[in-house]
């Protein structure tokens, strides 16, 4: 072995050095003596077993693994800065070994203590992290190998799901996990804010500019078992044919693939469970790998279980409008009790539950007592301000001058009640004043209208936001991709121009639906509730 290799052997093989006594270590070096460089060293270790008298039986596997890990740390293989499709990390090496637990022997500075390899066939992955340039090592799990096989052979997740026990969503989760670790290189999401219109400031970082998930809020039917006094759309729309609904799912899948994002379908209505083909449409969304969620009404166990047998939704959202008397005045007699019983059913079935309230002048004093009642019944409680649209136009909004004080009281109560969510964008104004990190607000990106979600109605109309008329196309005559890239969608996505230079814009943007309800031009006039002090 060349002198340079001899000198760096302790650096290459710290774990081997730790498990070998001095005489064994010298014998180990003698076995490696024929190698003149690291490349020859790799061939030597691959072609012959490294056997040292009295050494652990896993020494050969450990030495091969350490050399690969050292090379990864040293060479920092040049990786592409961007890829156009899912790609296996070119630095990735796979090793078949006969001993489990070997990666646990490798630490940043050599062997870890308290580890004991065991006899077991394993595949070990060694790669360079594309973000940090550091070497990584881990035993491959079944999900890692599945992700690598699918990408290397160009297999569609639906093909695998048809012949195995995993769903498309499970398979895509495995691929996302592999990409998150850097084993796979993924193309960047194309659901991205225009940085000229949404500048990064000291208060707002880049996480508010790029979405990894696109949501279709799908109102599949206008049929509803309630007649709420603030309903924003009681129009009579043509019912959705099942064939067209399945076609919409295919269109959404093509859109998500073209934009390199995961898709979510939030089924709503009316009451989505009253759509005659709901289970078929729900199954279709699951089969295509979409995350599914429900924005609906309380229902019976008999109607809930068939849906859960397909897949549990990511969440099931119902609405309450205050304490029992006021809620039942708005939503119908006995509905408060129905919702409370339904929340118990969701908890029994281990379904994440959300309760939404529409905030008005009449119920603002009931929000905190209701949140306390829901503390042990719902997983999350949030509110939206009233959009004075449709039948909601006859109700009174919260007085503008009282809104900041309301938010401050809510924020204080939320410190003691972990189930209270901070959905309104203007919570970020208060958080900035306190030097606290900003939150995602209404849609995870402030106002997400026509950005990370759109709303679809039964007759094919696509709106930037469901809470006010904001049509940007019709999916029965246009593709979702064309609709998303259209001029009307871009205009809603840009939001109110009066907010453009605001330092909180990417995490806020006010609420276009509320502005519309006040009769304002949503593209030029600021949300009347904004209380941010500009510099």
Protein backbone atom coordinates (compact mmCIF):
# COMPACT_ATOMS: atom_id res chain seq x y z
CA UNK A 1 0.00 0.00 0.00
CA UNK A 2 1.22 3.48 -0.79
CA UNK A 3 2.37 5.63 2.09
CA UNK A 4 -0.52 8.07 1.61
CA UNK A 5 -3.10 5.30 1.90
CA UNK A 6 -1.41 3.94 5.02
CA UNK A 7 -1.50 7.38 6.60
CA UNK A 8 -5.20 7.90 6.04
CA UNK A 9 -6.38 4.38 6.89
CA UNK A 10 -7.45 5.38 10.43
CA UNK A 11 -9.43 8.20 8.85
CA UNK A 12 -11.03 5.86 6.31
CA UNK A 13 -11.79 3.05 8.77
CA UNK A 14 -12.48 4.62 12.20
CA UNK A 15 -15.15 2.04 13.06
CA UNK A 16 -12.89 -0.85 12.04
CA UNK A 17 -10.09 0.68 14.11
CA UNK A 18 -12.35 0.87 17.13
CA UNK A 19 -13.36 -2.81 17.05
CA UNK A 20 -9.79 -4.08 16.46
CA UNK A 21 -6.97 -4.42 18.99
CA UNK A 22 -3.55 -3.04 17.99
CA UNK A 23 -2.13 -6.34 16.64
CA UNK A 24 -5.36 -6.97 14.71
CA UNK A 25 -5.22 -3.47 13.28
CA UNK A 26 -1.69 -4.03 11.99
CA UNK A 27 -2.78 -7.31 10.42
CA UNK A 28 -5.72 -5.49 8.84
CA UNK A 29 -3.37 -2.89 7.31
CA UNK A 30 -1.14 -5.66 5.98
CA UNK A 31 -4.12 -7.24 4.21
CA UNK A 32 -4.87 -3.93 2.53
CA UNK A 33 -1.22 -3.39 1.58
CA UNK A 34 -1.60 -4.29 -2.15
CA UNK A 35 -3.83 -1.26 -2.77
CA UNK A 36 -2.07 1.82 -4.12
CA UNK A 37 -5.09 4.16 -4.03
CA UNK A 38 -8.70 4.28 -2.87
CA UNK A 39 -10.02 2.89 -6.15
CA UNK A 40 -7.80 -0.19 -5.86
CA UNK A 41 -8.72 -0.41 -2.19
CA UNK A 42 -12.40 -0.63 -3.16
CA UNK A 43 -11.67 -3.43 -5.65
CA UNK A 44 -9.63 -5.31 -3.08
CA UNK A 45 -12.38 -5.14 -0.49
CA UNK A 46 -14.99 -6.15 -3.04
CA UNK A 47 -13.03 -9.11 -4.40
CA UNK A 48 -11.87 -10.72 -1.19
CA UNK A 49 -13.01 -11.16 2.38
CA UNK A 50 -10.99 -9.27 4.96
CA UNK A 51 -10.20 -11.82 7.67
CA UNK A 52 -8.15 -10.89 10.71
CA UNK A 53 -7.45 -13.42 13.43
CA UNK A 54 -9.94 -13.00 16.25
CA UNK A 55 -11.72 -10.06 14.58
CA UNK A 56 -15.50 -9.64 14.44
CA UNK A 57 -17.11 -11.64 11.61
CA UNK A 58 -18.65 -8.51 10.18
CA UNK A 59 -15.29 -6.79 9.60
CA UNK A 60 -15.29 -7.28 5.82
CA UNK A 61 -18.75 -5.75 5.37
CA UNK A 62 -17.91 -2.93 7.73
CA UNK A 63 -14.69 -2.10 5.87
CA UNK A 64 -16.45 -1.95 2.48
CA UNK A 65 -19.13 0.27 3.95
CA UNK A 66 -16.65 2.61 5.63
CA UNK A 67 -14.64 3.07 2.45
CA UNK A 68 -17.78 3.95 0.47
CA UNK A 69 -18.88 6.37 3.17
CA UNK A 70 -15.43 7.99 3.29
CA UNK A 71 -15.38 8.39 -0.49
CA UNK A 72 -18.81 10.00 -0.40
CA UNK A 73 -17.68 12.45 2.28
CA UNK A 74 -14.46 13.29 0.46
CA UNK A 75 -15.40 13.41 -3.16
CA UNK A 76 -18.73 15.24 -2.87
CA UNK A 77 -19.83 13.89 -6.22
CA UNK A 78 -21.06 16.70 -8.46
CA UNK A 79 -24.84 16.50 -8.53
CA UNK A 80 -27.15 18.29 -10.96
CA UNK A 81 -28.55 21.50 -9.49
CA UNK A 82 -31.94 20.76 -11.04
CA UNK A 83 -33.65 17.80 -12.71
CA UNK A 84 -36.70 17.71 -14.96
CA UNK A 85 -37.97 14.35 -13.73
CA UNK A 86 -37.48 12.04 -10.78
CA UNK A 87 -33.91 10.77 -10.95
CA UNK A 88 -31.85 8.41 -8.82
CA UNK A 89 -29.07 10.32 -7.06
CA UNK A 90 -26.00 9.56 -9.22
CA UNK A 91 -23.82 9.29 -6.12
CA UNK A 92 -25.95 6.47 -4.68
CA UNK A 93 -24.20 3.14 -3.97
CA UNK A 94 -25.98 -0.04 -2.87
CA UNK A 95 -24.21 -2.73 -0.86
CA UNK A 96 -25.50 -6.21 -0.07
CA UNK A 97 -24.16 -7.19 3.35
CA UNK A 98 -24.64 -10.13 5.68
CA UNK A 99 -24.83 -8.11 8.88
CA UNK A 100 -27.49 -5.80 10.16
CA UNK A 101 -26.80 -2.72 12.26
CA UNK A 102 -23.63 -1.68 10.47
CA UNK A 103 -24.72 1.93 9.69
CA UNK A 104 -25.15 2.45 13.44
CA UNK A 105 -21.41 1.84 13.87
CA UNK A 106 -20.65 4.83 11.67
CA UNK A 107 -20.78 8.24 13.23
CA UNK A 108 -19.50 11.61 12.16
CA UNK A 109 -16.18 10.88 13.84
CA UNK A 110 -16.15 7.08 13.70
CA UNK A 111 -17.89 4.30 15.59
CA UNK A 112 -20.76 4.88 17.92
CA UNK A 113 -20.90 3.09 21.25
CA UNK A 114 -23.49 0.59 22.39
CA UNK A 115 -24.13 -0.96 18.97
CA UNK A 116 -23.95 -4.66 18.18
CA UNK A 117 -24.24 -5.91 14.57
CA UNK A 118 -26.34 -9.03 14.04
CA UNK A 119 -26.45 -11.68 11.34
CA UNK A 120 -28.97 -10.53 8.72
CA UNK A 121 -28.97 -9.89 4.99
CA UNK A 122 -29.36 -6.17 4.33
CA UNK A 123 -28.96 -3.65 1.55
CA UNK A 124 -27.03 -0.55 2.62
CA UNK A 125 -27.39 2.79 0.86
CA UNK A 126 -24.53 5.28 0.72
CA UNK A 127 -24.98 8.63 -1.01
CA UNK A 128 -24.13 12.32 -1.02
CA UNK A 129 -26.81 14.64 0.33
CA UNK A 130 -27.66 16.98 -2.58
CA UNK A 131 -28.26 19.94 -0.25
CA UNK A 132 -25.37 19.67 2.21
CA UNK A 133 -22.84 17.70 0.17
CA UNK A 134 -22.25 15.40 3.15
CA UNK A 135 -22.03 11.62 3.02
CA UNK A 136 -25.09 9.65 4.16
CA UNK A 137 -25.56 5.98 5.03
CA UNK A 138 -28.56 3.89 6.05
CA UNK A 139 -29.99 0.41 5.77
CA UNK A 140 -32.51 0.34 2.93
CA UNK A 141 -36.09 -0.31 3.93
CA UNK A 142 -38.66 -1.92 1.63
CA UNK A 143 -40.07 1.51 0.82
CA UNK A 144 -36.62 2.78 -0.25
CA UNK A 145 -36.06 -0.16 -2.58
CA UNK A 146 -39.57 0.18 -4.00
CA UNK A 147 -39.01 3.87 -4.76
CA UNK A 148 -35.69 3.14 -6.44
CA UNK A 149 -37.12 0.32 -8.52
CA UNK A 150 -40.07 2.40 -9.69
CA UNK A 151 -37.91 5.33 -10.75
CA UNK A 152 -35.22 3.21 -12.37
CA UNK A 153 -37.78 1.23 -14.39
CA UNK A 154 -40.26 4.07 -15.00
CA UNK A 155 -43.14 2.22 -13.35
CA UNK A 156 -46.40 4.09 -12.74
CA UNK A 157 -47.55 3.89 -9.08
CA UNK A 158 -51.00 2.77 -10.21
CA UNK A 159 -49.50 -0.31 -11.84
CA UNK A 160 -47.87 -1.32 -8.57
CA UNK A 161 -51.02 -0.58 -6.55
CA UNK A 162 -53.07 -2.87 -8.77
CA UNK A 163 -50.89 -5.85 -7.91
CA UNK A 164 -49.87 -5.21 -4.32
CA UNK A 165 -51.06 -4.31 -0.86
CA UNK A 166 -49.99 -0.66 -1.06
CA UNK A 167 -52.17 2.18 -2.29
CA UNK A 168 -51.00 4.76 -4.82
CA UNK A 169 -50.77 7.32 -2.02
CA UNK A 170 -48.59 4.98 0.07
CA UNK A 171 -46.30 4.43 -2.90
CA UNK A 172 -46.01 8.13 -3.62
CA UNK A 173 -45.32 8.73 0.07
CA UNK A 174 -42.37 6.33 -0.24
CA UNK A 175 -41.10 8.21 -3.28
CA UNK A 176 -41.48 11.55 -1.49
CA UNK A 177 -39.60 10.17 1.51
CA UNK A 178 -36.75 8.97 -0.71
CA UNK A 179 -36.62 12.37 -2.39
CA UNK A 180 -36.65 14.08 0.99
CA UNK A 181 -33.58 12.08 2.03
CA UNK A 182 -31.82 12.83 -1.25
CA UNK A 183 -31.77 9.23 -2.47
CA UNK A 184 -33.90 10.48 -5.34
CA UNK A 185 -33.60 13.89 -6.95
CA UNK A 186 -36.99 15.48 -7.62
CA UNK A 187 -37.85 18.31 -9.99
CA UNK A 188 -38.91 21.49 -8.18
CA UNK A 189 -42.57 22.39 -7.81
CA UNK A 190 -43.85 24.71 -10.51
CA UNK A 191 -46.56 26.05 -8.21
CA UNK A 192 -44.42 29.04 -7.40
CA UNK A 193 -45.05 32.69 -6.60
CA UNK A 194 -43.65 35.39 -8.81
CA UNK A 195 -40.87 36.84 -6.66
CA UNK A 196 -41.30 40.27 -8.25
CA UNK A 197 -44.88 40.42 -6.94
CA UNK A 198 -44.12 38.54 -3.70
CA UNK A 199 -40.69 39.78 -2.56
CA UNK A 200 -38.80 38.05 0.23
CA UNK A 201 -38.39 40.35 3.21
CA UNK A 202 -36.91 40.11 6.67
CA UNK A 203 -40.31 38.98 7.97
CA UNK A 204 -41.16 36.52 5.17
CA UNK A 205 -38.96 33.71 3.91
CA UNK A 206 -39.01 31.60 0.77
CA UNK A 207 -41.26 28.85 2.19
CA UNK A 208 -44.26 31.04 1.34
CA UNK A 209 -43.36 31.12 -2.35
CA UNK A 210 -43.51 27.47 -3.41
CA UNK A 211 -46.32 24.95 -2.80
CA UNK A 212 -45.72 21.21 -2.87
CA UNK A 213 -49.44 20.31 -2.73
CA UNK A 214 -52.26 21.54 -4.95
CA UNK A 215 -55.82 21.28 -3.67
CA UNK A 216 -59.01 20.98 -5.66
CA UNK A 217 -61.90 22.08 -3.45
CA UNK A 218 -64.61 20.20 -5.26
CA UNK A 219 -68.24 21.06 -4.72
CA UNK A 220 -69.62 17.94 -6.32
CA UNK A 221 -73.27 18.71 -5.58
CA UNK A 222 -75.52 21.60 -4.61
CA UNK A 223 -77.80 19.22 -2.70
CA UNK A 224 -77.70 19.89 1.03
CA UNK A 225 -79.65 18.73 4.08
CA UNK A 226 -79.26 22.15 5.71
CA UNK A 227 -80.36 25.65 4.75
CA UNK A 228 -77.89 27.91 6.51
CA UNK A 229 -78.71 31.60 6.76
CA UNK A 230 -75.26 32.63 5.51
CA UNK A 231 -75.01 30.21 2.54
CA UNK A 232 -73.11 31.90 -0.27
CA UNK A 233 -74.53 29.83 -3.12
CA UNK A 234 -78.03 28.38 -3.39
CA UNK A 235 -77.99 28.42 -7.19
CA UNK A 236 -79.45 25.51 -9.10
CA UNK A 237 -76.59 23.93 -11.03
CA UNK A 238 -76.60 20.89 -13.29
CA UNK A 239 -75.67 17.71 -11.42
CA UNK A 240 -72.27 16.20 -12.06
CA UNK A 241 -72.26 13.04 -14.25
CA UNK A 242 -69.97 10.37 -12.80
CA UNK A 243 -68.04 9.90 -16.07
CA UNK A 244 -67.23 13.60 -16.15
CA UNK A 245 -66.20 13.48 -12.52
CA UNK A 246 -63.73 10.69 -13.19
CA UNK A 247 -62.44 12.69 -16.14
CA UNK A 248 -61.83 15.62 -13.81
CA UNK A 249 -59.68 13.38 -11.61
CA UNK A 250 -57.60 12.36 -14.63
CA UNK A 251 -57.21 16.02 -15.58
CA UNK A 252 -56.13 16.90 -12.04
CA UNK A 253 -53.59 14.08 -12.10
CA UNK A 254 -52.12 15.35 -15.38
CA UNK A 255 -51.98 18.88 -13.92
CA UNK A 256 -50.16 17.75 -10.77
CA UNK A 257 -47.67 15.71 -12.78
CA UNK A 258 -46.94 18.66 -15.06
CA UNK A 259 -46.44 20.98 -12.08
CA UNK A 260 -44.47 18.40 -10.03
CA UNK A 261 -46.78 18.55 -7.02
CA UNK A 262 -48.94 16.16 -5.01
CA UNK A 263 -52.69 16.55 -5.34
CA UNK A 264 -55.43 16.82 -2.76
CA UNK A 265 -59.17 16.60 -3.35
CA UNK A 266 -61.35 18.22 -0.69
CA UNK A 267 -64.87 17.00 -1.38
CA UNK A 268 -67.56 19.54 -0.53
CA UNK A 269 -71.02 20.67 -1.61
CA UNK A 270 -73.78 21.17 -0.59
CA UNK A 271 -73.29 17.98 1.32
CA UNK A 272 -70.85 15.82 -0.68
CA UNK A 273 -72.11 12.60 0.87
CA UNK A 274 -75.50 13.24 -0.76
CA UNK A 275 -74.00 13.03 -4.25
CA UNK A 276 -75.35 9.72 -5.63
CA UNK A 277 -71.92 8.55 -6.88
CA UNK A 278 -69.87 9.86 -3.99
CA UNK A 279 -68.18 6.57 -3.09
CA UNK A 280 -67.19 5.92 -6.71
CA UNK A 281 -65.70 9.40 -7.01
CA UNK A 282 -63.97 9.08 -3.63
CA UNK A 283 -62.52 5.72 -4.68
CA UNK A 284 -61.36 7.28 -7.95
CA UNK A 285 -59.48 10.00 -6.09
CA UNK A 286 -57.82 7.44 -3.81
CA UNK A 287 -56.90 5.21 -6.76
CA UNK A 288 -55.07 8.13 -8.38
CA UNK A 289 -53.01 8.77 -5.26
CA UNK A 290 -54.69 11.99 -4.15
CA UNK A 291 -54.98 12.95 -0.52
CA UNK A 292 -58.70 13.13 0.23
CA UNK A 293 -60.60 15.31 2.70
CA UNK A 294 -64.23 16.11 3.45
CA UNK A 295 -65.82 19.52 3.97
CA UNK A 296 -69.35 18.50 4.81
CA UNK A 297 -72.08 17.97 7.35
CA UNK A 298 -72.46 15.61 10.28
CA UNK A 299 -73.59 12.17 9.16
CA UNK A 300 -74.37 8.76 10.60
CA UNK A 301 -71.96 5.94 11.29
CA UNK A 302 -73.80 3.93 8.63
CA UNK A 303 -72.88 6.53 5.98
CA UNK A 304 -69.38 7.19 7.31
CA UNK A 305 -68.00 3.65 7.45
CA UNK A 306 -68.18 2.81 3.70
CA UNK A 307 -66.00 5.84 3.00
CA UNK A 308 -63.53 4.87 5.74
CA UNK A 309 -63.33 1.36 4.29
CA UNK A 310 -61.82 2.92 1.15
CA UNK A 311 -59.45 5.25 3.00
CA UNK A 312 -59.68 7.56 5.97
CA UNK A 313 -59.76 11.19 4.89
CA UNK A 314 -56.91 13.45 5.91
CA UNK A 315 -59.56 15.38 7.83
CA UNK A 316 -63.32 15.75 8.06
CA UNK A 317 -64.47 19.34 8.52
CA UNK A 318 -67.89 20.32 9.82
CA UNK A 319 -69.24 23.73 10.80
CA UNK A 320 -70.69 25.31 13.93
CA UNK A 321 -71.74 28.94 14.21
CA UNK A 322 -71.64 29.46 17.95
CA UNK A 323 -73.26 28.04 21.05
CA UNK A 324 -76.34 25.78 20.66
CA UNK A 325 -79.07 28.41 20.41
CA UNK A 326 -77.30 30.65 17.91
CA UNK A 327 -75.89 27.76 15.89
CA UNK A 328 -79.29 26.15 15.50
CA UNK A 329 -80.79 29.49 14.48
CA UNK A 330 -78.24 29.65 11.65
CA UNK A 331 -77.98 25.98 10.65
CA UNK A 332 -81.19 24.36 11.83
CA UNK A 333 -82.74 22.99 15.00
CA UNK A 334 -80.79 20.21 16.67
CA UNK A 335 -77.70 20.56 14.47
CA UNK A 336 -75.37 21.56 17.32
CA UNK A 337 -76.10 18.29 19.13
CA UNK A 338 -75.70 16.35 15.87
CA UNK A 339 -72.26 17.83 15.31
CA UNK A 340 -71.09 17.14 18.85
CA UNK A 341 -72.16 13.51 18.56
CA UNK A 342 -70.51 13.28 15.14
CA UNK A 343 -67.24 14.62 16.52
CA UNK A 344 -67.31 11.78 19.04
CA UNK A 345 -67.86 9.35 16.18
CA UNK A 346 -64.89 10.76 14.26
CA UNK A 347 -62.70 10.38 17.34
CA UNK A 348 -63.92 6.82 17.82
CA UNK A 349 -62.95 6.07 14.20
CA UNK A 350 -59.61 7.94 14.58
CA UNK A 351 -60.45 10.50 11.89
CA UNK A 352 -58.90 13.96 12.27
CA UNK A 353 -61.75 16.41 12.91
CA UNK A 354 -61.98 20.11 12.15
CA UNK A 355 -64.68 22.60 13.08
CA UNK A 356 -65.13 25.79 11.07
CA UNK A 357 -67.05 28.87 12.20
CA UNK A 358 -68.13 31.79 10.03
CA UNK A 359 -67.41 34.89 12.09
CA UNK A 360 -70.16 37.54 12.24
CA UNK A 361 -71.12 40.39 14.51
CA UNK A 362 -73.73 38.13 16.16
CA UNK A 363 -71.41 35.28 17.16
CA UNK A 364 -68.06 36.92 17.86
CA UNK A 365 -68.70 36.81 21.62
CA UNK A 366 -69.40 33.05 21.40
CA UNK A 367 -66.17 32.02 19.68
CA UNK A 368 -64.03 31.57 22.78
CA UNK A 369 -66.72 29.70 24.79
CA UNK A 370 -67.30 27.43 21.79
CA UNK A 371 -63.58 26.79 21.44
CA UNK A 372 -63.50 25.72 25.07
CA UNK A 373 -66.43 23.34 24.55
CA UNK A 374 -64.56 21.79 21.63
CA UNK A 375 -61.27 21.43 23.49
CA UNK A 376 -61.66 17.66 23.96
CA UNK A 377 -64.09 17.01 21.10
CA UNK A 378 -62.38 18.36 17.95
CA UNK A 379 -58.77 18.21 16.80
CA UNK A 380 -58.85 21.73 15.34
CA UNK A 381 -61.15 24.75 15.57
CA UNK A 382 -60.82 27.70 13.19
CA UNK A 383 -62.91 30.54 11.82
CA UNK A 384 -63.35 32.50 8.61
CA UNK A 385 -64.72 36.01 8.46
CA UNK A 386 -68.14 36.32 6.87
CA UNK A 387 -68.11 36.95 3.15
CA UNK A 388 -71.25 38.98 2.53
CA UNK A 389 -72.15 37.00 -0.58
CA UNK A 390 -75.39 35.21 -1.44
CA UNK A 391 -77.61 34.74 1.59
CA UNK A 392 -74.67 35.85 3.74
CA UNK A 393 -75.23 39.39 2.50
CA UNK A 394 -78.13 39.82 4.94
CA UNK A 395 -75.91 39.13 7.97
CA UNK A 396 -73.71 41.69 9.70
CA UNK A 397 -69.94 41.44 9.59
CA UNK A 398 -67.73 42.03 12.61
CA UNK A 399 -67.27 45.78 13.13
CA UNK A 400 -63.96 46.68 11.54
CA UNK A 401 -62.84 48.73 14.54
CA UNK A 402 -63.33 45.79 16.91
CA UNK A 403 -61.48 43.17 14.91
CA UNK A 404 -57.96 43.65 16.24
CA UNK A 405 -59.13 43.35 19.83
CA UNK A 406 -61.03 40.17 18.93
CA UNK A 407 -57.90 38.64 17.38
CA UNK A 408 -55.82 39.56 20.42
CA UNK A 409 -58.27 37.83 22.76
CA UNK A 410 -58.43 34.79 20.51
CA UNK A 411 -54.63 34.63 20.30
CA UNK A 412 -54.34 34.79 24.10
CA UNK A 413 -56.90 31.99 24.51
CA UNK A 414 -55.10 29.88 21.91
CA UNK A 415 -52.01 29.90 24.13
CA UNK A 416 -53.97 27.73 26.57
CA UNK A 417 -56.06 25.74 24.08
CA UNK A 418 -53.95 23.81 21.54
CA UNK A 419 -57.01 23.02 19.41
CA UNK A 420 -57.51 26.65 18.39
CA UNK A 421 -56.05 27.26 14.94
CA UNK A 422 -54.77 30.58 13.58
CA UNK A 423 -56.28 30.62 10.10
CA UNK A 424 -57.02 34.28 9.50
CA UNK A 425 -54.21 36.04 7.66
CA UNK A 426 -54.24 39.02 10.02
CA UNK A 427 -52.96 36.92 12.92
CA UNK A 428 -49.61 37.42 11.21
CA UNK A 429 -49.76 41.14 11.88
CA UNK A 430 -49.92 40.44 15.61
CA UNK A 431 -47.22 37.78 15.39
CA UNK A 432 -44.86 40.13 13.56
CA UNK A 433 -45.37 42.77 16.23
CA UNK A 434 -44.27 40.22 18.83
CA UNK A 435 -41.30 39.07 16.78
CA UNK A 436 -42.85 35.61 16.28
CA UNK A 437 -42.52 33.55 13.09
CA UNK A 438 -45.26 34.04 10.54
CA UNK A 439 -47.81 31.31 9.87
CA UNK A 440 -49.39 30.18 6.61
CA UNK A 441 -52.71 31.89 7.26
CA UNK A 442 -55.78 30.97 5.26
CA UNK A 443 -54.30 28.54 2.74
CA UNK A 444 -50.74 28.02 3.93
CA UNK A 445 -49.59 30.89 1.69
CA UNK A 446 -51.79 33.70 2.94
CA UNK A 447 -54.53 34.12 0.37
CA UNK A 448 -54.07 31.07 -1.86
CA UNK A 449 -56.81 31.91 -4.37
CA UNK A 450 -55.86 30.37 -7.74
CA UNK A 451 -52.40 29.62 -6.34
CA UNK A 452 -52.31 26.40 -4.33
CA UNK A 453 -56.02 25.70 -4.69
CA UNK A 454 -59.03 26.33 -6.89
CA UNK A 455 -62.71 25.58 -6.38
CA UNK A 456 -64.72 23.46 -8.80
CA UNK A 457 -68.53 23.50 -9.01
CA UNK A 458 -70.80 20.67 -10.22
CA UNK A 459 -71.34 22.26 -13.63
CA UNK A 460 -67.61 22.59 -14.33
CA UNK A 461 -67.12 26.22 -13.32
CA UNK A 462 -63.69 26.79 -11.76
CA UNK A 463 -63.35 29.68 -9.30
CA UNK A 464 -60.29 31.19 -7.66
CA UNK A 465 -62.15 31.03 -4.32
CA UNK A 466 -65.51 29.49 -3.48
CA UNK A 467 -66.57 32.24 -1.11
CA UNK A 468 -67.23 34.81 -3.83
CA UNK A 469 -67.83 34.85 -7.61
CA UNK A 470 -64.34 34.50 -9.10
CA UNK A 471 -64.69 32.32 -12.18
CA UNK A 472 -61.47 31.61 -14.04
CA UNK A 473 -62.67 28.92 -16.46
CA UNK A 474 -64.73 25.78 -16.99
CA UNK A 475 -63.08 22.39 -16.67
CA UNK A 476 -65.61 20.74 -18.99
CA UNK A 477 -64.31 22.77 -21.90
CA UNK A 478 -60.73 23.57 -20.78
CA UNK A 479 -57.93 21.65 -19.13
CA UNK A 480 -57.03 22.57 -15.57
CA UNK A 481 -53.56 23.47 -16.80
CA UNK A 482 -54.97 25.98 -19.28
CA UNK A 483 -57.29 27.40 -16.63
CA UNK A 484 -54.49 27.74 -14.08
CA UNK A 485 -52.21 29.52 -16.54
CA UNK A 486 -54.97 31.81 -17.87
CA UNK A 487 -55.01 35.59 -17.46
CA UNK A 488 -57.99 35.59 -15.02
CA UNK A 489 -56.24 33.04 -12.78
CA UNK A 490 -53.02 35.05 -12.82
CA UNK A 491 -54.93 38.17 -11.84
CA UNK A 492 -56.54 36.50 -8.81
CA UNK A 493 -53.24 34.88 -7.93
CA UNK A 494 -51.53 38.26 -7.85
CA UNK A 495 -54.19 39.46 -5.42
CA UNK A 496 -54.79 43.03 -4.37
CA UNK A 497 -52.29 45.44 -5.89
CA UNK A 498 -52.62 47.67 -2.83
CA UNK A 499 -50.89 44.86 -0.87
CA UNK A 500 -48.09 44.40 -3.35
CA UNK A 501 -45.41 46.31 -1.45
CA UNK A 502 -46.48 45.06 1.98
CA UNK A 503 -43.73 43.27 3.86
CA UNK A 504 -46.17 40.52 4.92
CA UNK A 505 -47.72 39.98 1.49
CA UNK A 506 -46.58 36.37 0.81
CA UNK A 507 -48.08 35.24 4.13
CA UNK A 508 -51.16 37.45 4.04
CA UNK A 509 -52.94 39.31 1.25
CA UNK A 510 -56.08 39.85 3.31
CA UNK A 511 -59.28 38.14 2.12
CA UNK A 512 -60.56 38.86 -1.38
CA UNK A 513 -63.98 37.39 -0.54
CA UNK A 514 -64.44 39.74 2.42
CA UNK A 515 -63.40 42.72 0.29
CA UNK A 516 -65.89 41.67 -2.39
CA UNK A 517 -68.64 41.47 0.23
CA UNK A 518 -67.93 45.08 1.18
CA UNK A 519 -68.39 46.09 -2.46
CA UNK A 520 -64.69 46.79 -3.02
CA UNK A 521 -62.59 46.16 -6.11
CA UNK A 522 -60.65 43.11 -4.92
CA UNK A 523 -57.74 43.82 -7.26
CA UNK A 524 -57.15 47.40 -6.16
CA UNK A 525 -58.72 48.01 -2.75
CA UNK A 526 -57.27 46.61 0.44
CA UNK A 527 -59.14 44.32 2.84
CA UNK A 528 -61.01 46.76 5.13
CA UNK A 529 -59.95 44.82 8.24
CA UNK A 530 -56.22 45.34 7.70
CA UNK A 531 -54.62 47.09 10.70
CA UNK A 532 -50.95 46.74 9.74
CA UNK A 533 -48.91 49.87 10.38
CA UNK A 534 -46.83 50.50 7.27
CA UNK A 535 -43.30 51.85 7.57
